[in-house]
Amino acid sequence: ASRVLALFAAAESVKPGQKPPGGL
């Protein structure tokens, strides 16, 4: 749940060094 919220909030990137897109 924490990881999904962080991804959705653009607080965490899938790939290192890449700007997180946020959202779905």
PDBML (XML) file of the C-alpha atoms, coordinates in Angstrom:
<?xml version="1.0" encoding="UTF-8" ?>
<PDBx:datablock datablockName="MODEL"
   xmlns:PDBx="http://pdbml.pdb.org/schema/pdbx-v50.xsd"
   xmlns:xsi="http://www.w3.org/2001/XMLSchema-instance"
   xsi:schemaLocation="http://pdbml.pdb.org/schema/pdbx-v50.xsd pdbx-v50.xsd">
   <PDBx:atom_siteCategory>
      <PDBx:atom_site id="1">
         <PDBx:B_iso_or_equiv>0.00</PDBx:B_iso_or_equiv>
         <PDBx:Cartn_x>0.000</PDBx:Cartn_x>
         <PDBx:Cartn_y>0.000</PDBx:Cartn_y>
         <PDBx:Cartn_z>0.000</PDBx:Cartn_z>
         <PDBx:auth_asym_id>A</PDBx:auth_asym_id>
         <PDBx:auth_atom_id>CA</PDBx:auth_atom_id>
         <PDBx:auth_comp_id>ALA</PDBx:auth_comp_id>
         <PDBx:auth_seq_id>1</PDBx:auth_seq_id>
         <PDBx:group_PDB>ATOM</PDBx:group_PDB>
         <PDBx:label_alt_id xsi:nil="true" />
         <PDBx:label_asym_id>A</PDBx:label_asym_id>
         <PDBx:label_atom_id>CA</PDBx:label_atom_id>
         <PDBx:label_comp_id>ALA</PDBx:label_comp_id>
         <PDBx:label_entity_id>1</PDBx:label_entity_id>
         <PDBx:label_seq_id>1</PDBx:label_seq_id>
         <PDBx:occupancy>1.00</PDBx:occupancy>
         <PDBx:pdbx_PDB_model_num>1</PDBx:pdbx_PDB_model_num>
         <PDBx:type_symbol>C</PDBx:type_symbol>
      </PDBx:atom_site>
      <PDBx:atom_site id="2">
         <PDBx:B_iso_or_equiv>0.00</PDBx:B_iso_or_equiv>
         <PDBx:Cartn_x>2.818</PDBx:Cartn_x>
         <PDBx:Cartn_y>2.442</PDBx:Cartn_y>
         <PDBx:Cartn_z>0.834</PDBx:Cartn_z>
         <PDBx:auth_asym_id>A</PDBx:auth_asym_id>
         <PDBx:auth_atom_id>CA</PDBx:auth_atom_id>
         <PDBx:auth_comp_id>SER</PDBx:auth_comp_id>
         <PDBx:auth_seq_id>2</PDBx:auth_seq_id>
         <PDBx:group_PDB>ATOM</PDBx:group_PDB>
         <PDBx:label_alt_id xsi:nil="true" />
         <PDBx:label_asym_id>A</PDBx:label_asym_id>
         <PDBx:label_atom_id>CA</PDBx:label_atom_id>
         <PDBx:label_comp_id>SER</PDBx:label_comp_id>
         <PDBx:label_entity_id>1</PDBx:label_entity_id>
         <PDBx:label_seq_id>2</PDBx:label_seq_id>
         <PDBx:occupancy>1.00</PDBx:occupancy>
         <PDBx:pdbx_PDB_model_num>1</PDBx:pdbx_PDB_model_num>
         <PDBx:type_symbol>C</PDBx:type_symbol>
      </PDBx:atom_site>
      <PDBx:atom_site id="3">
         <PDBx:B_iso_or_equiv>0.00</PDBx:B_iso_or_equiv>
         <PDBx:Cartn_x>4.594</PDBx:Cartn_x>
         <PDBx:Cartn_y>1.655</PDBx:Cartn_y>
         <PDBx:Cartn_z>-2.459</PDBx:Cartn_z>
         <PDBx:auth_asym_id>A</PDBx:auth_asym_id>
         <PDBx:auth_atom_id>CA</PDBx:auth_atom_id>
         <PDBx:auth_comp_id>ARG</PDBx:auth_comp_id>
         <PDBx:auth_seq_id>3</PDBx:auth_seq_id>
         <PDBx:group_PDB>ATOM</PDBx:group_PDB>
         <PDBx:label_alt_id xsi:nil="true" />
         <PDBx:label_asym_id>A</PDBx:label_asym_id>
         <PDBx:label_atom_id>CA</PDBx:label_atom_id>
         <PDBx:label_comp_id>ARG</PDBx:label_comp_id>
         <PDBx:label_entity_id>1</PDBx:label_entity_id>
         <PDBx:label_seq_id>3</PDBx:label_seq_id>
         <PDBx:occupancy>1.00</PDBx:occupancy>
         <PDBx:pdbx_PDB_model_num>1</PDBx:pdbx_PDB_model_num>
         <PDBx:type_symbol>C</PDBx:type_symbol>
      </PDBx:atom_site>
      <PDBx:atom_site id="4">
         <PDBx:B_iso_or_equiv>0.00</PDBx:B_iso_or_equiv>
         <PDBx:Cartn_x>1.421</PDBx:Cartn_x>
         <PDBx:Cartn_y>2.082</PDBx:Cartn_y>
         <PDBx:Cartn_z>-4.524</PDBx:Cartn_z>
         <PDBx:auth_asym_id>A</PDBx:auth_asym_id>
         <PDBx:auth_atom_id>CA</PDBx:auth_atom_id>
         <PDBx:auth_comp_id>VAL</PDBx:auth_comp_id>
         <PDBx:auth_seq_id>4</PDBx:auth_seq_id>
         <PDBx:group_PDB>ATOM</PDBx:group_PDB>
         <PDBx:label_alt_id xsi:nil="true" />
         <PDBx:label_asym_id>A</PDBx:label_asym_id>
         <PDBx:label_atom_id>CA</PDBx:label_atom_id>
         <PDBx:label_comp_id>VAL</PDBx:label_comp_id>
         <PDBx:label_entity_id>1</PDBx:label_entity_id>
         <PDBx:label_seq_id>4</PDBx:label_seq_id>
         <PDBx:occupancy>1.00</PDBx:occupancy>
         <PDBx:pdbx_PDB_model_num>1</PDBx:pdbx_PDB_model_num>
         <PDBx:type_symbol>C</PDBx:type_symbol>
      </PDBx:atom_site>
      <PDBx:atom_site id="5">
         <PDBx:B_iso_or_equiv>0.00</PDBx:B_iso_or_equiv>
         <PDBx:Cartn_x>0.611</PDBx:Cartn_x>
         <PDBx:Cartn_y>5.424</PDBx:Cartn_y>
         <PDBx:Cartn_z>-2.861</PDBx:Cartn_z>
         <PDBx:auth_asym_id>A</PDBx:auth_asym_id>
         <PDBx:auth_atom_id>CA</PDBx:auth_atom_id>
         <PDBx:auth_comp_id>LEU</PDBx:auth_comp_id>
         <PDBx:auth_seq_id>5</PDBx:auth_seq_id>
         <PDBx:group_PDB>ATOM</PDBx:group_PDB>
         <PDBx:label_alt_id xsi:nil="true" />
         <PDBx:label_asym_id>A</PDBx:label_asym_id>
         <PDBx:label_atom_id>CA</PDBx:label_atom_id>
         <PDBx:label_comp_id>LEU</PDBx:label_comp_id>
         <PDBx:label_entity_id>1</PDBx:label_entity_id>
         <PDBx:label_seq_id>5</PDBx:label_seq_id>
         <PDBx:occupancy>1.00</PDBx:occupancy>
         <PDBx:pdbx_PDB_model_num>1</PDBx:pdbx_PDB_model_num>
         <PDBx:type_symbol>C</PDBx:type_symbol>
      </PDBx:atom_site>
      <PDBx:atom_site id="6">
         <PDBx:B_iso_or_equiv>0.00</PDBx:B_iso_or_equiv>
         <PDBx:Cartn_x>4.178</PDBx:Cartn_x>
         <PDBx:Cartn_y>6.642</PDBx:Cartn_y>
         <PDBx:Cartn_z>-3.374</PDBx:Cartn_z>
         <PDBx:auth_asym_id>A</PDBx:auth_asym_id>
         <PDBx:auth_atom_id>CA</PDBx:auth_atom_id>
         <PDBx:auth_comp_id>ALA</PDBx:auth_comp_id>
         <PDBx:auth_seq_id>6</PDBx:auth_seq_id>
         <PDBx:group_PDB>ATOM</PDBx:group_PDB>
         <PDBx:label_alt_id xsi:nil="true" />
         <PDBx:label_asym_id>A</PDBx:label_asym_id>
         <PDBx:label_atom_id>CA</PDBx:label_atom_id>
         <PDBx:label_comp_id>ALA</PDBx:label_comp_id>
         <PDBx:label_entity_id>1</PDBx:label_entity_id>
         <PDBx:label_seq_id>6</PDBx:label_seq_id>
         <PDBx:occupancy>1.00</PDBx:occupancy>
         <PDBx:pdbx_PDB_model_num>1</PDBx:pdbx_PDB_model_num>
         <PDBx:type_symbol>C</PDBx:type_symbol>
      </PDBx:atom_site>
      <PDBx:atom_site id="7">
         <PDBx:B_iso_or_equiv>0.00</PDBx:B_iso_or_equiv>
         <PDBx:Cartn_x>4.104</PDBx:Cartn_x>
         <PDBx:Cartn_y>5.693</PDBx:Cartn_y>
         <PDBx:Cartn_z>-7.054</PDBx:Cartn_z>
         <PDBx:auth_asym_id>A</PDBx:auth_asym_id>
         <PDBx:auth_atom_id>CA</PDBx:auth_atom_id>
         <PDBx:auth_comp_id>LEU</PDBx:auth_comp_id>
         <PDBx:auth_seq_id>7</PDBx:auth_seq_id>
         <PDBx:group_PDB>ATOM</PDBx:group_PDB>
         <PDBx:label_alt_id xsi:nil="true" />
         <PDBx:label_asym_id>A</PDBx:label_asym_id>
         <PDBx:label_atom_id>CA</PDBx:label_atom_id>
         <PDBx:label_comp_id>LEU</PDBx:label_comp_id>
         <PDBx:label_entity_id>1</PDBx:label_entity_id>
         <PDBx:label_seq_id>7</PDBx:label_seq_id>
         <PDBx:occupancy>1.00</PDBx:occupancy>
         <PDBx:pdbx_PDB_model_num>1</PDBx:pdbx_PDB_model_num>
         <PDBx:type_symbol>C</PDBx:type_symbol>
      </PDBx:atom_site>
      <PDBx:atom_site id="8">
         <PDBx:B_iso_or_equiv>0.00</PDBx:B_iso_or_equiv>
         <PDBx:Cartn_x>0.696</PDBx:Cartn_x>
         <PDBx:Cartn_y>7.327</PDBx:Cartn_y>
         <PDBx:Cartn_z>-7.533</PDBx:Cartn_z>
         <PDBx:auth_asym_id>A</PDBx:auth_asym_id>
         <PDBx:auth_atom_id>CA</PDBx:auth_atom_id>
         <PDBx:auth_comp_id>PHE</PDBx:auth_comp_id>
         <PDBx:auth_seq_id>8</PDBx:auth_seq_id>
         <PDBx:group_PDB>ATOM</PDBx:group_PDB>
         <PDBx:label_alt_id xsi:nil="true" />
         <PDBx:label_asym_id>A</PDBx:label_asym_id>
         <PDBx:label_atom_id>CA</PDBx:label_atom_id>
         <PDBx:label_comp_id>PHE</PDBx:label_comp_id>
         <PDBx:label_entity_id>1</PDBx:label_entity_id>
         <PDBx:label_seq_id>8</PDBx:label_seq_id>
         <PDBx:occupancy>1.00</PDBx:occupancy>
         <PDBx:pdbx_PDB_model_num>1</PDBx:pdbx_PDB_model_num>
         <PDBx:type_symbol>C</PDBx:type_symbol>
      </PDBx:atom_site>
      <PDBx:atom_site id="9">
         <PDBx:B_iso_or_equiv>0.00</PDBx:B_iso_or_equiv>
         <PDBx:Cartn_x>1.865</PDBx:Cartn_x>
         <PDBx:Cartn_y>10.493</PDBx:Cartn_y>
         <PDBx:Cartn_z>-5.735</PDBx:Cartn_z>
         <PDBx:auth_asym_id>A</PDBx:auth_asym_id>
         <PDBx:auth_atom_id>CA</PDBx:auth_atom_id>
         <PDBx:auth_comp_id>ALA</PDBx:auth_comp_id>
         <PDBx:auth_seq_id>9</PDBx:auth_seq_id>
         <PDBx:group_PDB>ATOM</PDBx:group_PDB>
         <PDBx:label_alt_id xsi:nil="true" />
         <PDBx:label_asym_id>A</PDBx:label_asym_id>
         <PDBx:label_atom_id>CA</PDBx:label_atom_id>
         <PDBx:label_comp_id>ALA</PDBx:label_comp_id>
         <PDBx:label_entity_id>1</PDBx:label_entity_id>
         <PDBx:label_seq_id>9</PDBx:label_seq_id>
         <PDBx:occupancy>1.00</PDBx:occupancy>
         <PDBx:pdbx_PDB_model_num>1</PDBx:pdbx_PDB_model_num>
         <PDBx:type_symbol>C</PDBx:type_symbol>
      </PDBx:atom_site>
      <PDBx:atom_site id="10">
         <PDBx:B_iso_or_equiv>0.00</PDBx:B_iso_or_equiv>
         <PDBx:Cartn_x>4.938</PDBx:Cartn_x>
         <PDBx:Cartn_y>10.770</PDBx:Cartn_y>
         <PDBx:Cartn_z>-7.972</PDBx:Cartn_z>
         <PDBx:auth_asym_id>A</PDBx:auth_asym_id>
         <PDBx:auth_atom_id>CA</PDBx:auth_atom_id>
         <PDBx:auth_comp_id>ALA</PDBx:auth_comp_id>
         <PDBx:auth_seq_id>10</PDBx:auth_seq_id>
         <PDBx:group_PDB>ATOM</PDBx:group_PDB>
         <PDBx:label_alt_id xsi:nil="true" />
         <PDBx:label_asym_id>A</PDBx:label_asym_id>
         <PDBx:label_atom_id>CA</PDBx:label_atom_id>
         <PDBx:label_comp_id>ALA</PDBx:label_comp_id>
         <PDBx:label_entity_id>1</PDBx:label_entity_id>
         <PDBx:label_seq_id>10</PDBx:label_seq_id>
         <PDBx:occupancy>1.00</PDBx:occupancy>
         <PDBx:pdbx_PDB_model_num>1</PDBx:pdbx_PDB_model_num>
         <PDBx:type_symbol>C</PDBx:type_symbol>
      </PDBx:atom_site>
      <PDBx:atom_site id="11">
         <PDBx:B_iso_or_equiv>0.00</PDBx:B_iso_or_equiv>
         <PDBx:Cartn_x>7.095</PDBx:Cartn_x>
         <PDBx:Cartn_y>10.429</PDBx:Cartn_y>
         <PDBx:Cartn_z>-4.877</PDBx:Cartn_z>
         <PDBx:auth_asym_id>A</PDBx:auth_asym_id>
         <PDBx:auth_atom_id>CA</PDBx:auth_atom_id>
         <PDBx:auth_comp_id>ALA</PDBx:auth_comp_id>
         <PDBx:auth_seq_id>11</PDBx:auth_seq_id>
         <PDBx:group_PDB>ATOM</PDBx:group_PDB>
         <PDBx:label_alt_id xsi:nil="true" />
         <PDBx:label_asym_id>A</PDBx:label_asym_id>
         <PDBx:label_atom_id>CA</PDBx:label_atom_id>
         <PDBx:label_comp_id>ALA</PDBx:label_comp_id>
         <PDBx:label_entity_id>1</PDBx:label_entity_id>
         <PDBx:label_seq_id>11</PDBx:label_seq_id>
         <PDBx:occupancy>1.00</PDBx:occupancy>
         <PDBx:pdbx_PDB_model_num>1</PDBx:pdbx_PDB_model_num>
         <PDBx:type_symbol>C</PDBx:type_symbol>
      </PDBx:atom_site>
      <PDBx:atom_site id="12">
         <PDBx:B_iso_or_equiv>0.00</PDBx:B_iso_or_equiv>
         <PDBx:Cartn_x>8.914</PDBx:Cartn_x>
         <PDBx:Cartn_y>7.324</PDBx:Cartn_y>
         <PDBx:Cartn_z>-6.140</PDBx:Cartn_z>
         <PDBx:auth_asym_id>A</PDBx:auth_asym_id>
         <PDBx:auth_atom_id>CA</PDBx:auth_atom_id>
         <PDBx:auth_comp_id>GLU</PDBx:auth_comp_id>
         <PDBx:auth_seq_id>12</PDBx:auth_seq_id>
         <PDBx:group_PDB>ATOM</PDBx:group_PDB>
         <PDBx:label_alt_id xsi:nil="true" />
         <PDBx:label_asym_id>A</PDBx:label_asym_id>
         <PDBx:label_atom_id>CA</PDBx:label_atom_id>
         <PDBx:label_comp_id>GLU</PDBx:label_comp_id>
         <PDBx:label_entity_id>1</PDBx:label_entity_id>
         <PDBx:label_seq_id>12</PDBx:label_seq_id>
         <PDBx:occupancy>1.00</PDBx:occupancy>
         <PDBx:pdbx_PDB_model_num>1</PDBx:pdbx_PDB_model_num>
         <PDBx:type_symbol>C</PDBx:type_symbol>
      </PDBx:atom_site>
      <PDBx:atom_site id="13">
         <PDBx:B_iso_or_equiv>0.00</PDBx:B_iso_or_equiv>
         <PDBx:Cartn_x>10.309</PDBx:Cartn_x>
         <PDBx:Cartn_y>6.429</PDBx:Cartn_y>
         <PDBx:Cartn_z>-9.530</PDBx:Cartn_z>
         <PDBx:auth_asym_id>A</PDBx:auth_asym_id>
         <PDBx:auth_atom_id>CA</PDBx:auth_atom_id>
         <PDBx:auth_comp_id>SER</PDBx:auth_comp_id>
         <PDBx:auth_seq_id>13</PDBx:auth_seq_id>
         <PDBx:group_PDB>ATOM</PDBx:group_PDB>
         <PDBx:label_alt_id xsi:nil="true" />
         <PDBx:label_asym_id>A</PDBx:label_asym_id>
         <PDBx:label_atom_id>CA</PDBx:label_atom_id>
         <PDBx:label_comp_id>SER</PDBx:label_comp_id>
         <PDBx:label_entity_id>1</PDBx:label_entity_id>
         <PDBx:label_seq_id>13</PDBx:label_seq_id>
         <PDBx:occupancy>1.00</PDBx:occupancy>
         <PDBx:pdbx_PDB_model_num>1</PDBx:pdbx_PDB_model_num>
         <PDBx:type_symbol>C</PDBx:type_symbol>
      </PDBx:atom_site>
      <PDBx:atom_site id="14">
         <PDBx:B_iso_or_equiv>0.00</PDBx:B_iso_or_equiv>
         <PDBx:Cartn_x>10.111</PDBx:Cartn_x>
         <PDBx:Cartn_y>3.039</PDBx:Cartn_y>
         <PDBx:Cartn_z>-11.170</PDBx:Cartn_z>
         <PDBx:auth_asym_id>A</PDBx:auth_asym_id>
         <PDBx:auth_atom_id>CA</PDBx:auth_atom_id>
         <PDBx:auth_comp_id>VAL</PDBx:auth_comp_id>
         <PDBx:auth_seq_id>14</PDBx:auth_seq_id>
         <PDBx:group_PDB>ATOM</PDBx:group_PDB>
         <PDBx:label_alt_id xsi:nil="true" />
         <PDBx:label_asym_id>A</PDBx:label_asym_id>
         <PDBx:label_atom_id>CA</PDBx:label_atom_id>
         <PDBx:label_comp_id>VAL</PDBx:label_comp_id>
         <PDBx:label_entity_id>1</PDBx:label_entity_id>
         <PDBx:label_seq_id>14</PDBx:label_seq_id>
         <PDBx:occupancy>1.00</PDBx:occupancy>
         <PDBx:pdbx_PDB_model_num>1</PDBx:pdbx_PDB_model_num>
         <PDBx:type_symbol>C</PDBx:type_symbol>
      </PDBx:atom_site>
      <PDBx:atom_site id="15">
         <PDBx:B_iso_or_equiv>0.00</PDBx:B_iso_or_equiv>
         <PDBx:Cartn_x>13.530</PDBx:Cartn_x>
         <PDBx:Cartn_y>3.476</PDBx:Cartn_y>
         <PDBx:Cartn_z>-12.769</PDBx:Cartn_z>
         <PDBx:auth_asym_id>A</PDBx:auth_asym_id>
         <PDBx:auth_atom_id>CA</PDBx:auth_atom_id>
         <PDBx:auth_comp_id>LYS</PDBx:auth_comp_id>
         <PDBx:auth_seq_id>15</PDBx:auth_seq_id>
         <PDBx:group_PDB>ATOM</PDBx:group_PDB>
         <PDBx:label_alt_id xsi:nil="true" />
         <PDBx:label_asym_id>A</PDBx:label_asym_id>
         <PDBx:label_atom_id>CA</PDBx:label_atom_id>
         <PDBx:label_comp_id>LYS</PDBx:label_comp_id>
         <PDBx:label_entity_id>1</PDBx:label_entity_id>
         <PDBx:label_seq_id>15</PDBx:label_seq_id>
         <PDBx:occupancy>1.00</PDBx:occupancy>
         <PDBx:pdbx_PDB_model_num>1</PDBx:pdbx_PDB_model_num>
         <PDBx:type_symbol>C</PDBx:type_symbol>
      </PDBx:atom_site>
      <PDBx:atom_site id="16">
         <PDBx:B_iso_or_equiv>0.00</PDBx:B_iso_or_equiv>
         <PDBx:Cartn_x>16.422</PDBx:Cartn_x>
         <PDBx:Cartn_y>5.143</PDBx:Cartn_y>
         <PDBx:Cartn_z>-10.897</PDBx:Cartn_z>
         <PDBx:auth_asym_id>A</PDBx:auth_asym_id>
         <PDBx:auth_atom_id>CA</PDBx:auth_atom_id>
         <PDBx:auth_comp_id>PRO</PDBx:auth_comp_id>
         <PDBx:auth_seq_id>16</PDBx:auth_seq_id>
         <PDBx:group_PDB>ATOM</PDBx:group_PDB>
         <PDBx:label_alt_id xsi:nil="true" />
         <PDBx:label_asym_id>A</PDBx:label_asym_id>
         <PDBx:label_atom_id>CA</PDBx:label_atom_id>
         <PDBx:label_comp_id>PRO</PDBx:label_comp_id>
         <PDBx:label_entity_id>1</PDBx:label_entity_id>
         <PDBx:label_seq_id>16</PDBx:label_seq_id>
         <PDBx:occupancy>1.00</PDBx:occupancy>
         <PDBx:pdbx_PDB_model_num>1</PDBx:pdbx_PDB_model_num>
         <PDBx:type_symbol>C</PDBx:type_symbol>
      </PDBx:atom_site>
      <PDBx:atom_site id="17">
         <PDBx:B_iso_or_equiv>0.00</PDBx:B_iso_or_equiv>
         <PDBx:Cartn_x>17.231</PDBx:Cartn_x>
         <PDBx:Cartn_y>8.610</PDBx:Cartn_y>
         <PDBx:Cartn_z>-12.197</PDBx:Cartn_z>
         <PDBx:auth_asym_id>A</PDBx:auth_asym_id>
         <PDBx:auth_atom_id>CA</PDBx:auth_atom_id>
         <PDBx:auth_comp_id>GLY</PDBx:auth_comp_id>
         <PDBx:auth_seq_id>17</PDBx:auth_seq_id>
         <PDBx:group_PDB>ATOM</PDBx:group_PDB>
         <PDBx:label_alt_id xsi:nil="true" />
         <PDBx:label_asym_id>A</PDBx:label_asym_id>
         <PDBx:label_atom_id>CA</PDBx:label_atom_id>
         <PDBx:label_comp_id>GLY</PDBx:label_comp_id>
         <PDBx:label_entity_id>1</PDBx:label_entity_id>
         <PDBx:label_seq_id>17</PDBx:label_seq_id>
         <PDBx:occupancy>1.00</PDBx:occupancy>
         <PDBx:pdbx_PDB_model_num>1</PDBx:pdbx_PDB_model_num>
         <PDBx:type_symbol>C</PDBx:type_symbol>
      </PDBx:atom_site>
      <PDBx:atom_site id="18">
         <PDBx:B_iso_or_equiv>0.00</PDBx:B_iso_or_equiv>
         <PDBx:Cartn_x>13.929</PDBx:Cartn_x>
         <PDBx:Cartn_y>8.912</PDBx:Cartn_y>
         <PDBx:Cartn_z>-14.070</PDBx:Cartn_z>
         <PDBx:auth_asym_id>A</PDBx:auth_asym_id>
         <PDBx:auth_atom_id>CA</PDBx:auth_atom_id>
         <PDBx:auth_comp_id>GLN</PDBx:auth_comp_id>
         <PDBx:auth_seq_id>18</PDBx:auth_seq_id>
         <PDBx:group_PDB>ATOM</PDBx:group_PDB>
         <PDBx:label_alt_id xsi:nil="true" />
         <PDBx:label_asym_id>A</PDBx:label_asym_id>
         <PDBx:label_atom_id>CA</PDBx:label_atom_id>
         <PDBx:label_comp_id>GLN</PDBx:label_comp_id>
         <PDBx:label_entity_id>1</PDBx:label_entity_id>
         <PDBx:label_seq_id>18</PDBx:label_seq_id>
         <PDBx:occupancy>1.00</PDBx:occupancy>
         <PDBx:pdbx_PDB_model_num>1</PDBx:pdbx_PDB_model_num>
         <PDBx:type_symbol>C</PDBx:type_symbol>
      </PDBx:atom_site>
      <PDBx:atom_site id="19">
         <PDBx:B_iso_or_equiv>0.00</PDBx:B_iso_or_equiv>
         <PDBx:Cartn_x>11.406</PDBx:Cartn_x>
         <PDBx:Cartn_y>11.597</PDBx:Cartn_y>
         <PDBx:Cartn_z>-13.173</PDBx:Cartn_z>
         <PDBx:auth_asym_id>A</PDBx:auth_asym_id>
         <PDBx:auth_atom_id>CA</PDBx:auth_atom_id>
         <PDBx:auth_comp_id>LYS</PDBx:auth_comp_id>
         <PDBx:auth_seq_id>19</PDBx:auth_seq_id>
         <PDBx:group_PDB>ATOM</PDBx:group_PDB>
         <PDBx:label_alt_id xsi:nil="true" />
         <PDBx:label_asym_id>A</PDBx:label_asym_id>
         <PDBx:label_atom_id>CA</PDBx:label_atom_id>
         <PDBx:label_comp_id>LYS</PDBx:label_comp_id>
         <PDBx:label_entity_id>1</PDBx:label_entity_id>
         <PDBx:label_seq_id>19</PDBx:label_seq_id>
         <PDBx:occupancy>1.00</PDBx:occupancy>
         <PDBx:pdbx_PDB_model_num>1</PDBx:pdbx_PDB_model_num>
         <PDBx:type_symbol>C</PDBx:type_symbol>
      </PDBx:atom_site>
      <PDBx:atom_site id="20">
         <PDBx:B_iso_or_equiv>0.00</PDBx:B_iso_or_equiv>
         <PDBx:Cartn_x>8.399</PDBx:Cartn_x>
         <PDBx:Cartn_y>9.842</PDBx:Cartn_y>
         <PDBx:Cartn_z>-11.621</PDBx:Cartn_z>
         <PDBx:auth_asym_id>A</PDBx:auth_asym_id>
         <PDBx:auth_atom_id>CA</PDBx:auth_atom_id>
         <PDBx:auth_comp_id>PRO</PDBx:auth_comp_id>
         <PDBx:auth_seq_id>20</PDBx:auth_seq_id>
         <PDBx:group_PDB>ATOM</PDBx:group_PDB>
         <PDBx:label_alt_id xsi:nil="true" />
         <PDBx:label_asym_id>A</PDBx:label_asym_id>
         <PDBx:label_atom_id>CA</PDBx:label_atom_id>
         <PDBx:label_comp_id>PRO</PDBx:label_comp_id>
         <PDBx:label_entity_id>1</PDBx:label_entity_id>
         <PDBx:label_seq_id>20</PDBx:label_seq_id>
         <PDBx:occupancy>1.00</PDBx:occupancy>
         <PDBx:pdbx_PDB_model_num>1</PDBx:pdbx_PDB_model_num>
         <PDBx:type_symbol>C</PDBx:type_symbol>
      </PDBx:atom_site>
      <PDBx:atom_site id="21">
         <PDBx:B_iso_or_equiv>0.00</PDBx:B_iso_or_equiv>
         <PDBx:Cartn_x>5.300</PDBx:Cartn_x>
         <PDBx:Cartn_y>10.315</PDBx:Cartn_y>
         <PDBx:Cartn_z>-13.808</PDBx:Cartn_z>
         <PDBx:auth_asym_id>A</PDBx:auth_asym_id>
         <PDBx:auth_atom_id>CA</PDBx:auth_atom_id>
         <PDBx:auth_comp_id>PRO</PDBx:auth_comp_id>
         <PDBx:auth_seq_id>21</PDBx:auth_seq_id>
         <PDBx:group_PDB>ATOM</PDBx:group_PDB>
         <PDBx:label_alt_id xsi:nil="true" />
         <PDBx:label_asym_id>A</PDBx:label_asym_id>
         <PDBx:label_atom_id>CA</PDBx:label_atom_id>
         <PDBx:label_comp_id>PRO</PDBx:label_comp_id>
         <PDBx:label_entity_id>1</PDBx:label_entity_id>
         <PDBx:label_seq_id>21</PDBx:label_seq_id>
         <PDBx:occupancy>1.00</PDBx:occupancy>
         <PDBx:pdbx_PDB_model_num>1</PDBx:pdbx_PDB_model_num>
         <PDBx:type_symbol>C</PDBx:type_symbol>
      </PDBx:atom_site>
      <PDBx:atom_site id="22">
         <PDBx:B_iso_or_equiv>0.00</PDBx:B_iso_or_equiv>
         <PDBx:Cartn_x>2.751</PDBx:Cartn_x>
         <PDBx:Cartn_y>9.882</PDBx:Cartn_y>
         <PDBx:Cartn_z>-11.010</PDBx:Cartn_z>
         <PDBx:auth_asym_id>A</PDBx:auth_asym_id>
         <PDBx:auth_atom_id>CA</PDBx:auth_atom_id>
         <PDBx:auth_comp_id>GLY</PDBx:auth_comp_id>
         <PDBx:auth_seq_id>22</PDBx:auth_seq_id>
         <PDBx:group_PDB>ATOM</PDBx:group_PDB>
         <PDBx:label_alt_id xsi:nil="true" />
         <PDBx:label_asym_id>A</PDBx:label_asym_id>
         <PDBx:label_atom_id>CA</PDBx:label_atom_id>
         <PDBx:label_comp_id>GLY</PDBx:label_comp_id>
         <PDBx:label_entity_id>1</PDBx:label_entity_id>
         <PDBx:label_seq_id>22</PDBx:label_seq_id>
         <PDBx:occupancy>1.00</PDBx:occupancy>
         <PDBx:pdbx_PDB_model_num>1</PDBx:pdbx_PDB_model_num>
         <PDBx:type_symbol>C</PDBx:type_symbol>
      </PDBx:atom_site>
      <PDBx:atom_site id="23">
         <PDBx:B_iso_or_equiv>0.00</PDBx:B_iso_or_equiv>
         <PDBx:Cartn_x>-0.859</PDBx:Cartn_x>
         <PDBx:Cartn_y>8.769</PDBx:Cartn_y>
         <PDBx:Cartn_z>-11.359</PDBx:Cartn_z>
         <PDBx:auth_asym_id>A</PDBx:auth_asym_id>
         <PDBx:auth_atom_id>CA</PDBx:auth_atom_id>
         <PDBx:auth_comp_id>GLY</PDBx:auth_comp_id>
         <PDBx:auth_seq_id>23</PDBx:auth_seq_id>
         <PDBx:group_PDB>ATOM</PDBx:group_PDB>
         <PDBx:label_alt_id xsi:nil="true" />
         <PDBx:label_asym_id>A</PDBx:label_asym_id>
         <PDBx:label_atom_id>CA</PDBx:label_atom_id>
         <PDBx:label_comp_id>GLY</PDBx:label_comp_id>
         <PDBx:label_entity_id>1</PDBx:label_entity_id>
         <PDBx:label_seq_id>23</PDBx:label_seq_id>
         <PDBx:occupancy>1.00</PDBx:occupancy>
         <PDBx:pdbx_PDB_model_num>1</PDBx:pdbx_PDB_model_num>
         <PDBx:type_symbol>C</PDBx:type_symbol>
      </PDBx:atom_site>
      <PDBx:atom_site id="24">
         <PDBx:B_iso_or_equiv>0.00</PDBx:B_iso_or_equiv>
         <PDBx:Cartn_x>-2.053</PDBx:Cartn_x>
         <PDBx:Cartn_y>5.582</PDBx:Cartn_y>
         <PDBx:Cartn_z>-12.991</PDBx:Cartn_z>
         <PDBx:auth_asym_id>A</PDBx:auth_asym_id>
         <PDBx:auth_atom_id>CA</PDBx:auth_atom_id>
         <PDBx:auth_comp_id>LEU</PDBx:auth_comp_id>
         <PDBx:auth_seq_id>24</PDBx:auth_seq_id>
         <PDBx:group_PDB>ATOM</PDBx:group_PDB>
         <PDBx:label_alt_id xsi:nil="true" />
         <PDBx:label_asym_id>A</PDBx:label_asym_id>
         <PDBx:label_atom_id>CA</PDBx:label_atom_id>
         <PDBx:label_comp_id>LEU</PDBx:label_comp_id>
         <PDBx:label_entity_id>1</PDBx:label_entity_id>
         <PDBx:label_seq_id>24</PDBx:label_seq_id>
         <PDBx:occupancy>1.00</PDBx:occupancy>
         <PDBx:pdbx_PDB_model_num>1</PDBx:pdbx_PDB_model_num>
         <PDBx:type_symbol>C</PDBx:type_symbol>
      </PDBx:atom_site>
   </PDBx:atom_siteCategory>
</PDBx:datablock>
